[in-house]
Amino acid sequence: MHRFFHLVDKSPSRHSAQPGFCRRGLEFRALGTFALRGAAICNTPSYGNFGVRLMVSGAESHHTKRHGLRAELPRARLFRRRKVDHVNFVVAGVQKAGTTALHDFLAQHPHVALLRDQALHFFDKEEHFSSSQAGLVTEPDYDVLLKNFDSGWRWRVAGEVTADYLYYPRALERIARYNADMKVIVSLRNPVERAFSQWNMRREKGQEPLEFLDALKRDQETGIWRGPRGNAYIARSLYSVQLEKLYNLFPRKQVLVLKYEELRRNPFGAIDRVFDFIGVKRLRNLRNRQRNVGSYSRKLTSEEREYGSAIFEEDITNVENLLGWDCNDWRVKAAVSAAT
């Protein structure tokens, strides 16, 4: 709860003639409103010279002096409301693997600023990186990205959640060019189930005329790739190729890879890892909405699972080698036995 404090002028009477000062009990009135929390303000240069209304929340009380002004305040640190001027982290994928849940958790943290417009797709839309008429690549207008964040005084890190970035190779290159220190978060799911969930979504939207098995066979025959928002059921589930690209651009210490199945089993443990990774404190009493999962009436058949697992077997092994994971639960025998 915020409290407002009065400051008492203990200085010589010459201060009483200055705007914003009086000899007794004047509340510092606002040239601006400031929110305070955390550490001592006694060394803050903007405090003491001008009348500002001090909004204080915090813990231990102490005395501070500046220019003869004595105030009993909690230990506090001064914050101004500010705009997001850079992005610290991205949740880069993969599609249908819990990125919506991660967004919901991150949005509950008071120290995390998130993009307002999740459909912006800044780093994978060519219109943001168009070439000039002379054929020269122009510098992208990063203000298009930054203005989609709300300003605030509490945020410490700013991030974007776009599930296509890992799959779309130019997006990763652009992110690395924008911020070489960017932290990248990825969630991976059983590749057959991920592809099936994507197919189900497109089927219900009227965007996919083929049955799932036929759609997989079409991808095998044509090597279809229709841009960051296209089908590519197989290509999107070939994680090792995408991870190798990611690790070529970012050191491993800047990459956090989560397993979707563990995110489902222990969502709060997973989000604690995310909070630690991006450098904000862990939170309790988070709401878990569990959206966009298990909502399709059409279920994966054993034939479809076996066919898909054969496609992804080699890539699953590559993922295990890259990440040091045990992905037996992604293989068809483990999946079928778990379902029976």
C-alpha atoms as a PDB file:
ATOM      1  CA  MET A   1       0.000   0.000   0.000  1.00  0.00           C
ATOM      2  CA  HIS A   2       1.373   3.445  -0.916  1.00  0.00           C
ATOM      3  CA  ARG A   3       1.708   6.176   1.729  1.00  0.00           C
ATOM      4  CA  PHE A   4       2.429   9.870   1.286  1.00  0.00           C
ATOM      5  CA  PHE A   5       4.862  11.577   3.639  1.00  0.00           C
ATOM      6  CA  HIS A   6       5.338  15.204   4.658  1.00  0.00           C
ATOM      7  CA  LEU A   7       8.834  16.642   4.662  1.00  0.00           C
ATOM      8  CA  VAL A   8       9.813  19.175   7.331  1.00  0.00           C
ATOM      9  CA  ASP A   9      12.140  22.067   6.468  1.00  0.00           C
ATOM     10  CA  LYS A  10      14.967  22.288   9.028  1.00  0.00           C
ATOM     11  CA  SER A  11      17.098  24.544   6.850  1.00  0.00           C
ATOM     12  CA  PRO A  12      17.714  28.308   7.229  1.00  0.00           C
ATOM     13  CA  SER A  13      14.770  30.549   6.459  1.00  0.00           C
ATOM     14  CA  ARG A  14      16.131  31.503   3.032  1.00  0.00           C
ATOM     15  CA  HIS A  15      14.552  28.298   1.676  1.00  0.00           C
ATOM     16  CA  SER A  16      11.089  29.454   2.656  1.00  0.00           C
ATOM     17  CA  ALA A  17      11.086  31.975  -0.180  1.00  0.00           C
ATOM     18  CA  GLN A  18      11.709  29.261  -2.780  1.00  0.00           C
ATOM     19  CA  PRO A  19       8.763  27.617  -4.555  1.00  0.00           C
ATOM     20  CA  GLY A  20       7.888  24.258  -3.052  1.00  0.00           C
ATOM     21  CA  PHE A  21       9.367  24.920   0.401  1.00  0.00           C
ATOM     22  CA  CYS A  22       7.935  26.079   3.716  1.00  0.00           C
ATOM     23  CA  ARG A  23       9.143  25.979   7.287  1.00  0.00           C
ATOM     24  CA  ARG A  24       6.795  23.332   8.644  1.00  0.00           C
ATOM     25  CA  GLY A  25       4.885  20.318   7.384  1.00  0.00           C
ATOM     26  CA  LEU A  26       4.633  21.049   3.668  1.00  0.00           C
ATOM     27  CA  GLU A  27       3.923  18.048   1.507  1.00  0.00           C
ATOM     28  CA  PHE A  28       6.350  18.087  -1.421  1.00  0.00           C
ATOM     29  CA  ARG A  29       4.005  18.885  -4.271  1.00  0.00           C
ATOM     30  CA  ALA A  30       4.487  17.599  -7.704  1.00  0.00           C
ATOM     31  CA  LEU A  31       6.633  18.733 -10.496  1.00  0.00           C
ATOM     32  CA  GLY A  32       6.298  15.009 -11.114  1.00  0.00           C
ATOM     33  CA  THR A  33       4.987  11.902  -9.402  1.00  0.00           C
ATOM     34  CA  PHE A  34       7.518   9.308  -8.370  1.00  0.00           C
ATOM     35  CA  ALA A  35       7.124   5.770  -7.101  1.00  0.00           C
ATOM     36  CA  LEU A  36       9.637   4.617  -4.524  1.00  0.00           C
ATOM     37  CA  ARG A  37      10.586   1.164  -3.434  1.00  0.00           C
ATOM     38  CA  GLY A  38      13.657  -0.793  -2.421  1.00  0.00           C
ATOM     39  CA  ALA A  39      16.645   1.307  -1.260  1.00  0.00           C
ATOM     40  CA  ALA A  40      17.609   4.663   0.264  1.00  0.00           C
ATOM     41  CA  ILE A  41      16.843   7.841  -1.667  1.00  0.00           C
ATOM     42  CA  CYS A  42      19.187  10.171   0.219  1.00  0.00           C
ATOM     43  CA  ASN A  43      21.638  10.330  -2.703  1.00  0.00           C
ATOM     44  CA  THR A  44      19.012  10.974  -5.359  1.00  0.00           C
ATOM     45  CA  PRO A  45      19.950  14.306  -6.984  1.00  0.00           C
ATOM     46  CA  SER A  46      16.407  15.132  -8.102  1.00  0.00           C
ATOM     47  CA  TYR A  47      15.130  14.878  -4.539  1.00  0.00           C
ATOM     48  CA  GLY A  48      15.464  17.871  -2.239  1.00  0.00           C
ATOM     49  CA  ASN A  49      15.937  20.585  -4.837  1.00  0.00           C
ATOM     50  CA  PHE A  50      12.394  20.576  -6.225  1.00  0.00           C
ATOM     51  CA  GLY A  51       8.980  20.001  -4.763  1.00  0.00           C
ATOM     52  CA  VAL A  52       7.913  16.485  -5.686  1.00  0.00           C
ATOM     53  CA  ARG A  53       5.169  14.417  -4.184  1.00  0.00           C
ATOM     54  CA  LEU A  54       6.748  11.253  -2.850  1.00  0.00           C
ATOM     55  CA  MET A  55       4.735   8.060  -3.149  1.00  0.00           C
ATOM     56  CA  VAL A  56       6.368   5.529  -0.866  1.00  0.00           C
ATOM     57  CA  SER A  57       5.908   1.835  -0.373  1.00  0.00           C
ATOM     58  CA  GLY A  58       8.405  -0.256   1.450  1.00  0.00           C
ATOM     59  CA  ALA A  59       9.863  -1.683   4.565  1.00  0.00           C
ATOM     60  CA  GLU A  60      12.251  -0.414   7.217  1.00  0.00           C
ATOM     61  CA  SER A  61      11.946   3.222   8.366  1.00  0.00           C
ATOM     62  CA  HIS A  62      14.978   5.481   8.641  1.00  0.00           C
ATOM     63  CA  HIS A  63      15.909   9.183   8.644  1.00  0.00           C
ATOM     64  CA  THR A  64      17.444  10.882   5.672  1.00  0.00           C
ATOM     65  CA  LYS A  65      18.757  14.424   5.265  1.00  0.00           C
ATOM     66  CA  ARG A  66      19.351  16.504   2.189  1.00  0.00           C
ATOM     67  CA  HIS A  67      19.744  20.270   2.006  1.00  0.00           C
ATOM     68  CA  GLY A  68      18.481  20.575   5.561  1.00  0.00           C
ATOM     69  CA  LEU A  69      15.289  18.629   4.869  1.00  0.00           C
ATOM     70  CA  ARG A  70      14.506  15.832   7.287  1.00  0.00           C
ATOM     71  CA  ALA A  71      12.069  13.084   6.401  1.00  0.00           C
ATOM     72  CA  GLU A  72      11.193   9.797   8.041  1.00  0.00           C
ATOM     73  CA  LEU A  73      10.776   7.385   5.120  1.00  0.00           C
ATOM     74  CA  PRO A  74      10.957   3.687   4.436  1.00  0.00           C
ATOM     75  CA  ARG A  75      14.125   2.608   2.693  1.00  0.00           C
ATOM     76  CA  ALA A  76      13.275   3.315  -0.894  1.00  0.00           C
ATOM     77  CA  ARG A  77      14.657   3.674  -4.381  1.00  0.00           C
ATOM     78  CA  LEU A  78      13.318   6.235  -6.796  1.00  0.00           C
ATOM     79  CA  PHE A  79      11.741   5.101 -10.059  1.00  0.00           C
ATOM     80  CA  ARG A  80      10.338   7.198 -12.879  1.00  0.00           C
ATOM     81  CA  ARG A  81       7.768   5.848 -15.301  1.00  0.00           C
ATOM     82  CA  ARG A  82       9.747   4.963 -18.417  1.00  0.00           C
ATOM     83  CA  LYS A  83       9.356   3.496 -21.865  1.00  0.00           C
ATOM     84  CA  VAL A  84      10.776   0.192 -23.024  1.00  0.00           C
ATOM     85  CA  ASP A  85      13.921   1.019 -24.992  1.00  0.00           C
ATOM     86  CA  HIS A  86      15.198  -2.514 -25.698  1.00  0.00           C
ATOM     87  CA  VAL A  87      14.023  -6.127 -25.678  1.00  0.00           C
ATOM     88  CA  ASN A  88      15.865  -8.545 -23.366  1.00  0.00           C
ATOM     89  CA  PHE A  89      14.317 -11.913 -24.219  1.00  0.00           C
ATOM     90  CA  VAL A  90      12.132 -13.736 -26.726  1.00  0.00           C
ATOM     91  CA  VAL A  91      10.064 -16.893 -26.438  1.00  0.00           C
ATOM     92  CA  ALA A  92      10.865 -18.152 -29.925  1.00  0.00           C
ATOM     93  CA  GLY A  93       8.871 -21.359 -30.249  1.00  0.00           C
ATOM     94  CA  VAL A  94       7.793 -23.843 -31.044  1.00  0.00           C
ATOM     95  CA  GLN A  95       4.245 -23.552 -32.311  1.00  0.00           C
ATOM     96  CA  LYS A  96       1.696 -25.670 -30.378  1.00  0.00           C
ATOM     97  CA  ALA A  97       4.148 -26.342 -27.531  1.00  0.00           C
ATOM     98  CA  GLY A  98       3.006 -24.145 -24.661  1.00  0.00           C
ATOM     99  CA  THR A  99       4.052 -20.670 -25.782  1.00  0.00           C
ATOM    100  CA  THR A 100       0.591 -19.316 -24.917  1.00  0.00           C
ATOM    101  CA  ALA A 101       0.913 -20.687 -21.382  1.00  0.00           C
ATOM    102  CA  LEU A 102       4.368 -19.134 -21.046  1.00  0.00           C
ATOM    103  CA  HIS A 103       2.968 -15.794 -22.192  1.00  0.00           C
ATOM    104  CA  ASP A 104       0.171 -15.999 -19.611  1.00  0.00           C
ATOM    105  CA  PHE A 105       2.623 -16.697 -16.797  1.00  0.00           C
ATOM    106  CA  LEU A 106       5.049 -13.966 -17.869  1.00  0.00           C
ATOM    107  CA  ALA A 107       2.211 -11.439 -18.168  1.00  0.00           C
ATOM    108  CA  GLN A 108       1.469 -11.888 -14.457  1.00  0.00           C
ATOM    109  CA  HIS A 109       4.929 -10.731 -13.384  1.00  0.00           C
ATOM    110  CA  PRO A 110       5.089  -7.034 -12.406  1.00  0.00           C
ATOM    111  CA  HIS A 111       8.727  -6.724 -13.502  1.00  0.00           C
ATOM    112  CA  VAL A 112       8.172  -8.133 -17.015  1.00  0.00           C
ATOM    113  CA  ALA A 113       7.005  -5.961 -19.912  1.00  0.00           C
ATOM    114  CA  LEU A 114       5.421  -7.895 -22.787  1.00  0.00           C
ATOM    115  CA  LEU A 115       4.475  -6.863 -26.287  1.00  0.00           C
ATOM    116  CA  ARG A 116       0.850  -5.697 -26.484  1.00  0.00           C
ATOM    117  CA  ASP A 117       0.277  -6.878 -30.053  1.00  0.00           C
ATOM    118  CA  GLN A 118       1.136 -10.583 -30.211  1.00  0.00           C
ATOM    119  CA  ALA A 119       0.378 -10.574 -33.937  1.00  0.00           C
ATOM    120  CA  LEU A 120       3.158  -8.086 -34.690  1.00  0.00           C
ATOM    121  CA  HIS A 121       5.674 -10.793 -35.717  1.00  0.00           C
ATOM    122  CA  PHE A 122       8.325  -8.099 -35.967  1.00  0.00           C
ATOM    123  CA  PHE A 123      11.346 -10.285 -36.734  1.00  0.00           C
ATOM    124  CA  ASP A 124       9.692 -12.666 -39.212  1.00  0.00           C
ATOM    125  CA  LYS A 125       7.671 -10.215 -41.302  1.00  0.00           C
ATOM    126  CA  GLU A 126       9.519  -9.042 -44.377  1.00  0.00           C
ATOM    127  CA  GLU A 127       7.754  -5.690 -44.359  1.00  0.00           C
ATOM    128  CA  HIS A 128       9.774  -4.682 -41.300  1.00  0.00           C
ATOM    129  CA  PHE A 129      13.042  -5.487 -43.090  1.00  0.00           C
ATOM    130  CA  SER A 130      12.335  -4.346 -46.626  1.00  0.00           C
ATOM    131  CA  SER A 131      15.058  -3.241 -49.016  1.00  0.00           C
ATOM    132  CA  SER A 132      15.361   0.227 -50.430  1.00  0.00           C
ATOM    133  CA  GLN A 133      14.695   0.953 -54.106  1.00  0.00           C
ATOM    134  CA  ALA A 134      18.435   1.018 -54.718  1.00  0.00           C
ATOM    135  CA  GLY A 135      18.634  -2.595 -53.582  1.00  0.00           C
ATOM    136  CA  LEU A 136      20.316  -1.766 -50.294  1.00  0.00           C
ATOM    137  CA  VAL A 137      18.977  -3.224 -47.063  1.00  0.00           C
ATOM    138  CA  THR A 138      17.640  -0.407 -44.919  1.00  0.00           C
ATOM    139  CA  GLU A 139      17.978  -0.286 -41.149  1.00  0.00           C
ATOM    140  CA  PRO A 140      14.716  -1.630 -39.678  1.00  0.00           C
ATOM    141  CA  ASP A 141      12.606   0.754 -37.652  1.00  0.00           C
ATOM    142  CA  TYR A 142      12.850  -0.792 -34.205  1.00  0.00           C
ATOM    143  CA  ASP A 143      10.451   1.847 -32.885  1.00  0.00           C
ATOM    144  CA  VAL A 144       7.706  -0.219 -34.532  1.00  0.00           C
ATOM    145  CA  LEU A 145       8.627  -2.953 -32.063  1.00  0.00           C
ATOM    146  CA  LEU A 146       9.300  -0.811 -28.992  1.00  0.00           C
ATOM    147  CA  LYS A 147       6.180   1.328 -29.215  1.00  0.00           C
ATOM    148  CA  ASN A 148       4.118  -1.862 -28.761  1.00  0.00           C
ATOM    149  CA  PHE A 149       5.212  -2.049 -25.137  1.00  0.00           C
ATOM    150  CA  ASP A 150       3.420  -0.119 -22.398  1.00  0.00           C
ATOM    151  CA  SER A 151       5.599   2.233 -20.376  1.00  0.00           C
ATOM    152  CA  GLY A 152       5.838   1.708 -16.625  1.00  0.00           C
ATOM    153  CA  TRP A 153       8.004   2.181 -13.579  1.00  0.00           C
ATOM    154  CA  ARG A 154       8.143  -1.445 -12.424  1.00  0.00           C
ATOM    155  CA  TRP A 155       9.445  -3.362 -15.425  1.00  0.00           C
ATOM    156  CA  ARG A 156      13.025  -4.644 -15.400  1.00  0.00           C
ATOM    157  CA  VAL A 157      13.037  -6.867 -18.483  1.00  0.00           C
ATOM    158  CA  ALA A 158      11.058  -6.705 -21.723  1.00  0.00           C
ATOM    159  CA  GLY A 159      10.207  -9.664 -23.913  1.00  0.00           C
ATOM    160  CA  GLU A 160       8.294 -10.901 -26.921  1.00  0.00           C
ATOM    161  CA  VAL A 161       6.502 -14.225 -27.403  1.00  0.00           C
ATOM    162  CA  THR A 162       6.309 -15.337 -31.054  1.00  0.00           C
ATOM    163  CA  ALA A 163       6.214 -19.077 -31.705  1.00  0.00           C
ATOM    164  CA  ASP A 164       7.408 -18.822 -35.329  1.00  0.00           C
ATOM    165  CA  TYR A 165      10.825 -17.320 -34.652  1.00  0.00           C
ATOM    166  CA  LEU A 166      12.695 -20.594 -34.108  1.00  0.00           C
ATOM    167  CA  TYR A 167      11.296 -22.075 -37.313  1.00  0.00           C
ATOM    168  CA  TYR A 168      11.861 -19.050 -39.511  1.00  0.00           C
ATOM    169  CA  PRO A 169      15.662 -18.867 -40.013  1.00  0.00           C
ATOM    170  CA  ARG A 170      15.883 -15.202 -40.946  1.00  0.00           C
ATOM    171  CA  ALA A 171      14.065 -14.251 -37.741  1.00  0.00           C
ATOM    172  CA  LEU A 172      16.862 -15.686 -35.593  1.00  0.00           C
ATOM    173  CA  GLU A 173      19.478 -13.832 -37.625  1.00  0.00           C
ATOM    174  CA  ARG A 174      17.587 -10.574 -37.230  1.00  0.00           C
ATOM    175  CA  ILE A 175      17.176 -11.092 -33.495  1.00  0.00           C
ATOM    176  CA  ALA A 176      20.909 -11.708 -33.114  1.00  0.00           C
ATOM    177  CA  ARG A 177      21.653  -8.591 -35.140  1.00  0.00           C
ATOM    178  CA  TYR A 178      19.260  -6.542 -32.997  1.00  0.00           C
ATOM    179  CA  ASN A 179      20.622  -7.778 -29.654  1.00  0.00           C
ATOM    180  CA  ALA A 180      23.544 -10.190 -29.478  1.00  0.00           C
ATOM    181  CA  ASP A 181      22.859 -10.612 -25.741  1.00  0.00           C
ATOM    182  CA  MET A 182      19.231 -11.613 -26.279  1.00  0.00           C
ATOM    183  CA  LYS A 183      17.994 -14.480 -24.103  1.00  0.00           C
ATOM    184  CA  VAL A 184      16.027 -17.047 -26.086  1.00  0.00           C
ATOM    185  CA  ILE A 185      13.444 -19.408 -24.592  1.00  0.00           C
ATOM    186  CA  VAL A 186      12.166 -22.439 -26.509  1.00  0.00           C
ATOM    187  CA  SER A 187       9.623 -25.130 -25.628  1.00  0.00           C
ATOM    188  CA  LEU A 188       9.720 -28.461 -27.502  1.00  0.00           C
ATOM    189  CA  ARG A 189       6.920 -31.020 -27.713  1.00  0.00           C
ATOM    190  CA  ASN A 190       6.592 -34.610 -28.902  1.00  0.00           C
ATOM    191  CA  PRO A 191       7.021 -33.900 -32.633  1.00  0.00           C
ATOM    192  CA  VAL A 192       4.127 -36.091 -33.793  1.00  0.00           C
ATOM    193  CA  GLU A 193       1.727 -34.571 -31.273  1.00  0.00           C
ATOM    194  CA  ARG A 194       2.913 -31.074 -32.139  1.00  0.00           C
ATOM    195  CA  ALA A 195       2.324 -31.673 -35.848  1.00  0.00           C
ATOM    196  CA  PHE A 196      -1.076 -33.209 -35.134  1.00  0.00           C
ATOM    197  CA  SER A 197      -2.107 -30.261 -32.958  1.00  0.00           C
ATOM    198  CA  GLN A 198      -1.091 -27.862 -35.728  1.00  0.00           C
ATOM    199  CA  TRP A 199      -3.056 -29.911 -38.273  1.00  0.00           C
ATOM    200  CA  ASN A 200      -6.105 -29.960 -35.975  1.00  0.00           C
ATOM    201  CA  MET A 201      -5.985 -26.186 -35.597  1.00  0.00           C
ATOM    202  CA  ARG A 202      -5.732 -25.604 -39.347  1.00  0.00           C
ATOM    203  CA  ARG A 203      -8.419 -28.214 -40.049  1.00  0.00           C
ATOM    204  CA  GLU A 204     -10.900 -26.490 -37.723  1.00  0.00           C
ATOM    205  CA  LYS A 205     -10.146 -23.146 -39.383  1.00  0.00           C
ATOM    206  CA  GLY A 206     -10.885 -24.646 -42.799  1.00  0.00           C
ATOM    207  CA  GLN A 207      -7.265 -24.214 -43.926  1.00  0.00           C
ATOM    208  CA  GLU A 208      -6.380 -27.900 -44.374  1.00  0.00           C
ATOM    209  CA  PRO A 209      -8.478 -30.172 -46.640  1.00  0.00           C
ATOM    210  CA  LEU A 210      -6.377 -33.336 -46.155  1.00  0.00           C
ATOM    211  CA  GLU A 211      -6.504 -35.892 -43.365  1.00  0.00           C
ATOM    212  CA  PHE A 212      -3.471 -35.841 -41.080  1.00  0.00           C
ATOM    213  CA  LEU A 213      -1.774 -38.903 -42.570  1.00  0.00           C
ATOM    214  CA  ASP A 214      -2.258 -37.577 -46.087  1.00  0.00           C
ATOM    215  CA  ALA A 215      -0.935 -34.162 -45.041  1.00  0.00           C
ATOM    216  CA  LEU A 216       2.245 -35.789 -43.695  1.00  0.00           C
ATOM    217  CA  LYS A 217       2.692 -37.739 -46.928  1.00  0.00           C
ATOM    218  CA  ARG A 218       2.196 -34.561 -48.948  1.00  0.00           C
ATOM    219  CA  ASP A 219       4.924 -32.847 -46.897  1.00  0.00           C
ATOM    220  CA  GLN A 220       7.243 -35.801 -47.511  1.00  0.00           C
ATOM    221  CA  GLU A 221       6.616 -35.733 -51.244  1.00  0.00           C
ATOM    222  CA  THR A 222       6.804 -31.987 -51.818  1.00  0.00           C
ATOM    223  CA  GLY A 223       9.057 -30.778 -49.012  1.00  0.00           C
ATOM    224  CA  ILE A 224       6.413 -28.104 -48.611  1.00  0.00           C
ATOM    225  CA  TRP A 225       7.402 -24.880 -46.894  1.00  0.00           C
ATOM    226  CA  ARG A 226       5.024 -21.960 -47.001  1.00  0.00           C
ATOM    227  CA  GLY A 227       6.733 -19.310 -44.910  1.00  0.00           C
ATOM    228  CA  PRO A 228       6.559 -18.722 -41.180  1.00  0.00           C
ATOM    229  CA  ARG A 229       2.776 -19.055 -41.048  1.00  0.00           C
ATOM    230  CA  GLY A 230       2.389 -21.960 -43.482  1.00  0.00           C
ATOM    231  CA  ASN A 231       1.786 -25.696 -42.999  1.00  0.00           C
ATOM    232  CA  ALA A 232       5.138 -27.493 -42.852  1.00  0.00           C
ATOM    233  CA  TYR A 233       3.934 -30.051 -40.306  1.00  0.00           C
ATOM    234  CA  ILE A 234       7.130 -32.070 -40.619  1.00  0.00           C
ATOM    235  CA  ALA A 235       9.634 -29.229 -40.975  1.00  0.00           C
ATOM    236  CA  ARG A 236       8.327 -27.441 -37.883  1.00  0.00           C
ATOM    237  CA  SER A 237       8.820 -30.633 -35.850  1.00  0.00           C
ATOM    238  CA  LEU A 238      12.426 -31.229 -36.956  1.00  0.00           C
ATOM    239  CA  TYR A 239      13.848 -29.577 -33.857  1.00  0.00           C
ATOM    240  CA  SER A 240      17.527 -30.461 -34.159  1.00  0.00           C
ATOM    241  CA  VAL A 241      17.870 -28.464 -37.388  1.00  0.00           C
ATOM    242  CA  GLN A 242      16.304 -25.425 -35.746  1.00  0.00           C
ATOM    243  CA  LEU A 243      18.340 -25.784 -32.550  1.00  0.00           C
ATOM    244  CA  GLU A 244      21.608 -26.021 -34.453  1.00  0.00           C
ATOM    245  CA  LYS A 245      20.774 -22.764 -36.200  1.00  0.00           C
ATOM    246  CA  LEU A 246      19.941 -21.193 -32.852  1.00  0.00           C
ATOM    247  CA  TYR A 247      23.194 -22.343 -31.231  1.00  0.00           C
ATOM    248  CA  ASN A 248      25.184 -21.003 -34.172  1.00  0.00           C
ATOM    249  CA  LEU A 249      23.820 -17.543 -33.407  1.00  0.00           C
ATOM    250  CA  PHE A 250      23.616 -17.516 -29.604  1.00  0.00           C
ATOM    251  CA  PRO A 251      25.817 -19.072 -26.901  1.00  0.00           C
ATOM    252  CA  ARG A 252      24.129 -21.822 -24.917  1.00  0.00           C
ATOM    253  CA  LYS A 253      24.123 -19.741 -21.738  1.00  0.00           C
ATOM    254  CA  GLN A 254      21.642 -17.416 -23.495  1.00  0.00           C
ATOM    255  CA  VAL A 255      19.273 -20.236 -24.467  1.00  0.00           C
ATOM    256  CA  LEU A 256      16.739 -22.021 -22.255  1.00  0.00           C
ATOM    257  CA  VAL A 257      15.030 -25.084 -23.753  1.00  0.00           C
ATOM    258  CA  LEU A 258      11.973 -26.467 -21.972  1.00  0.00           C
ATOM    259  CA  LYS A 259      10.148 -29.720 -22.548  1.00  0.00           C
ATOM    260  CA  TYR A 260       6.446 -29.185 -23.140  1.00  0.00           C
ATOM    261  CA  GLU A 261       5.480 -32.384 -21.347  1.00  0.00           C
ATOM    262  CA  GLU A 262       7.280 -31.178 -18.207  1.00  0.00           C
ATOM    263  CA  LEU A 263       5.632 -27.771 -18.571  1.00  0.00           C
ATOM    264  CA  ARG A 264       2.270 -29.569 -18.466  1.00  0.00           C
ATOM    265  CA  ARG A 265       3.216 -31.758 -15.511  1.00  0.00           C
ATOM    266  CA  ASN A 266       4.876 -29.055 -13.417  1.00  0.00           C
ATOM    267  CA  PRO A 267       4.029 -25.623 -14.831  1.00  0.00           C
ATOM    268  CA  PHE A 268       5.145 -23.685 -11.765  1.00  0.00           C
ATOM    269  CA  GLY A 269       8.527 -25.399 -11.682  1.00  0.00           C
ATOM    270  CA  ALA A 270       8.999 -24.600 -15.367  1.00  0.00           C
ATOM    271  CA  ILE A 271       8.081 -20.934 -14.996  1.00  0.00           C
ATOM    272  CA  ASP A 272      10.443 -20.649 -12.017  1.00  0.00           C
ATOM    273  CA  ARG A 273      13.232 -21.689 -14.383  1.00  0.00           C
ATOM    274  CA  VAL A 274      12.092 -19.036 -16.852  1.00  0.00           C
ATOM    275  CA  PHE A 275      12.006 -16.319 -14.192  1.00  0.00           C
ATOM    276  CA  ASP A 276      15.504 -17.301 -13.020  1.00  0.00           C
ATOM    277  CA  PHE A 277      16.749 -17.286 -16.599  1.00  0.00           C
ATOM    278  CA  ILE A 278      15.502 -13.790 -17.468  1.00  0.00           C
ATOM    279  CA  GLY A 279      16.617 -12.383 -14.115  1.00  0.00           C
ATOM    280  CA  VAL A 280      13.435 -11.614 -12.183  1.00  0.00           C
ATOM    281  CA  LYS A 281      12.272 -12.956  -8.855  1.00  0.00           C
ATOM    282  CA  ARG A 282      10.052 -16.012  -8.632  1.00  0.00           C
ATOM    283  CA  LEU A 283       6.367 -15.447  -7.907  1.00  0.00           C
ATOM    284  CA  ARG A 284       3.823 -17.375  -5.925  1.00  0.00           C
ATOM    285  CA  ASN A 285       0.046 -17.536  -6.424  1.00  0.00           C
ATOM    286  CA  LEU A 286       0.325 -17.559 -10.209  1.00  0.00           C
ATOM    287  CA  ARG A 287      -2.798 -18.441 -12.168  1.00  0.00           C
ATOM    288  CA  ASN A 288      -2.525 -21.429 -14.486  1.00  0.00           C
ATOM    289  CA  ARG A 289      -5.071 -21.136 -17.282  1.00  0.00           C
ATOM    290  CA  GLN A 290      -3.916 -24.160 -19.356  1.00  0.00           C
ATOM    291  CA  ARG A 291      -5.316 -22.732 -22.571  1.00  0.00           C
ATOM    292  CA  ASN A 292      -5.003 -24.130 -26.117  1.00  0.00           C
ATOM    293  CA  VAL A 293      -4.463 -27.716 -24.981  1.00  0.00           C
ATOM    294  CA  GLY A 294      -6.609 -30.803 -25.349  1.00  0.00           C
ATOM    295  CA  SER A 295      -9.519 -28.903 -26.907  1.00  0.00           C
ATOM    296  CA  TYR A 296      -9.795 -30.826 -30.201  1.00  0.00           C
ATOM    297  CA  SER A 297     -12.358 -33.609 -30.579  1.00  0.00           C
ATOM    298  CA  ARG A 298     -10.274 -35.482 -33.167  1.00  0.00           C
ATOM    299  CA  LYS A 299      -7.664 -37.722 -31.510  1.00  0.00           C
ATOM    300  CA  LEU A 300      -4.399 -39.073 -32.877  1.00  0.00           C
ATOM    301  CA  THR A 301      -4.776 -42.663 -34.076  1.00  0.00           C
ATOM    302  CA  SER A 302      -2.182 -45.370 -33.438  1.00  0.00           C
ATOM    303  CA  GLU A 303      -1.519 -45.635 -37.186  1.00  0.00           C
ATOM    304  CA  GLU A 304      -0.845 -41.890 -37.430  1.00  0.00           C
ATOM    305  CA  ARG A 305       1.368 -41.978 -34.359  1.00  0.00           C
ATOM    306  CA  GLU A 306       3.446 -44.866 -35.691  1.00  0.00           C
ATOM    307  CA  TYR A 307       3.812 -43.286 -39.121  1.00  0.00           C
ATOM    308  CA  GLY A 308       4.834 -39.934 -37.677  1.00  0.00           C
ATOM    309  CA  SER A 309       7.245 -41.442 -35.169  1.00  0.00           C
ATOM    310  CA  ALA A 310       9.113 -43.197 -37.966  1.00  0.00           C
ATOM    311  CA  ILE A 311       9.550 -39.831 -39.688  1.00  0.00           C
ATOM    312  CA  PHE A 312      10.979 -38.152 -36.588  1.00  0.00           C
ATOM    313  CA  GLU A 313      13.033 -40.983 -35.047  1.00  0.00           C
ATOM    314  CA  GLU A 314      16.389 -39.721 -36.314  1.00  0.00           C
ATOM    315  CA  ASP A 315      15.666 -36.150 -35.314  1.00  0.00           C
ATOM    316  CA  ILE A 316      14.602 -37.225 -31.814  1.00  0.00           C
ATOM    317  CA  THR A 317      18.001 -38.892 -31.385  1.00  0.00           C
ATOM    318  CA  ASN A 318      19.711 -35.715 -32.591  1.00  0.00           C
ATOM    319  CA  VAL A 319      17.745 -33.650 -30.058  1.00  0.00           C
ATOM    320  CA  GLU A 320      18.798 -36.013 -27.278  1.00  0.00           C
ATOM    321  CA  ASN A 321      22.437 -35.569 -28.276  1.00  0.00           C
ATOM    322  CA  LEU A 322      22.150 -31.784 -28.546  1.00  0.00           C
ATOM    323  CA  LEU A 323      20.372 -31.255 -25.237  1.00  0.00           C
ATOM    324  CA  GLY A 324      21.388 -34.270 -23.174  1.00  0.00           C
ATOM    325  CA  TRP A 325      17.713 -35.177 -22.842  1.00  0.00           C
ATOM    326  CA  ASP A 326      15.962 -38.523 -22.596  1.00  0.00           C
ATOM    327  CA  CYS A 327      13.161 -38.343 -25.169  1.00  0.00           C
ATOM    328  CA  ASN A 328      11.928 -41.926 -25.004  1.00  0.00           C
ATOM    329  CA  ASP A 329       8.481 -40.570 -24.144  1.00  0.00           C
ATOM    330  CA  TRP A 330       8.412 -39.118 -27.667  1.00  0.00           C
ATOM    331  CA  ARG A 331       8.983 -42.505 -29.282  1.00  0.00           C
ATOM    332  CA  VAL A 332       6.047 -44.539 -30.448  1.00  0.00           C
ATOM    333  CA  LYS A 333       6.421 -47.551 -28.118  1.00  0.00           C
ATOM    334  CA  ALA A 334       6.552 -45.387 -25.012  1.00  0.00           C
ATOM    335  CA  ALA A 335       3.707 -43.214 -26.265  1.00  0.00           C
ATOM    336  CA  VAL A 336       1.455 -46.156 -27.138  1.00  0.00           C
ATOM    337  CA  SER A 337       2.115 -47.991 -23.866  1.00  0.00           C
ATOM    338  CA  ALA A 338       1.426 -44.803 -21.890  1.00  0.00           C
ATOM    339  CA  ALA A 339      -1.909 -44.402 -23.664  1.00  0.00           C
ATOM    340  CA  THR A 340      -3.063 -47.969 -22.911  1.00  0.00           C
END
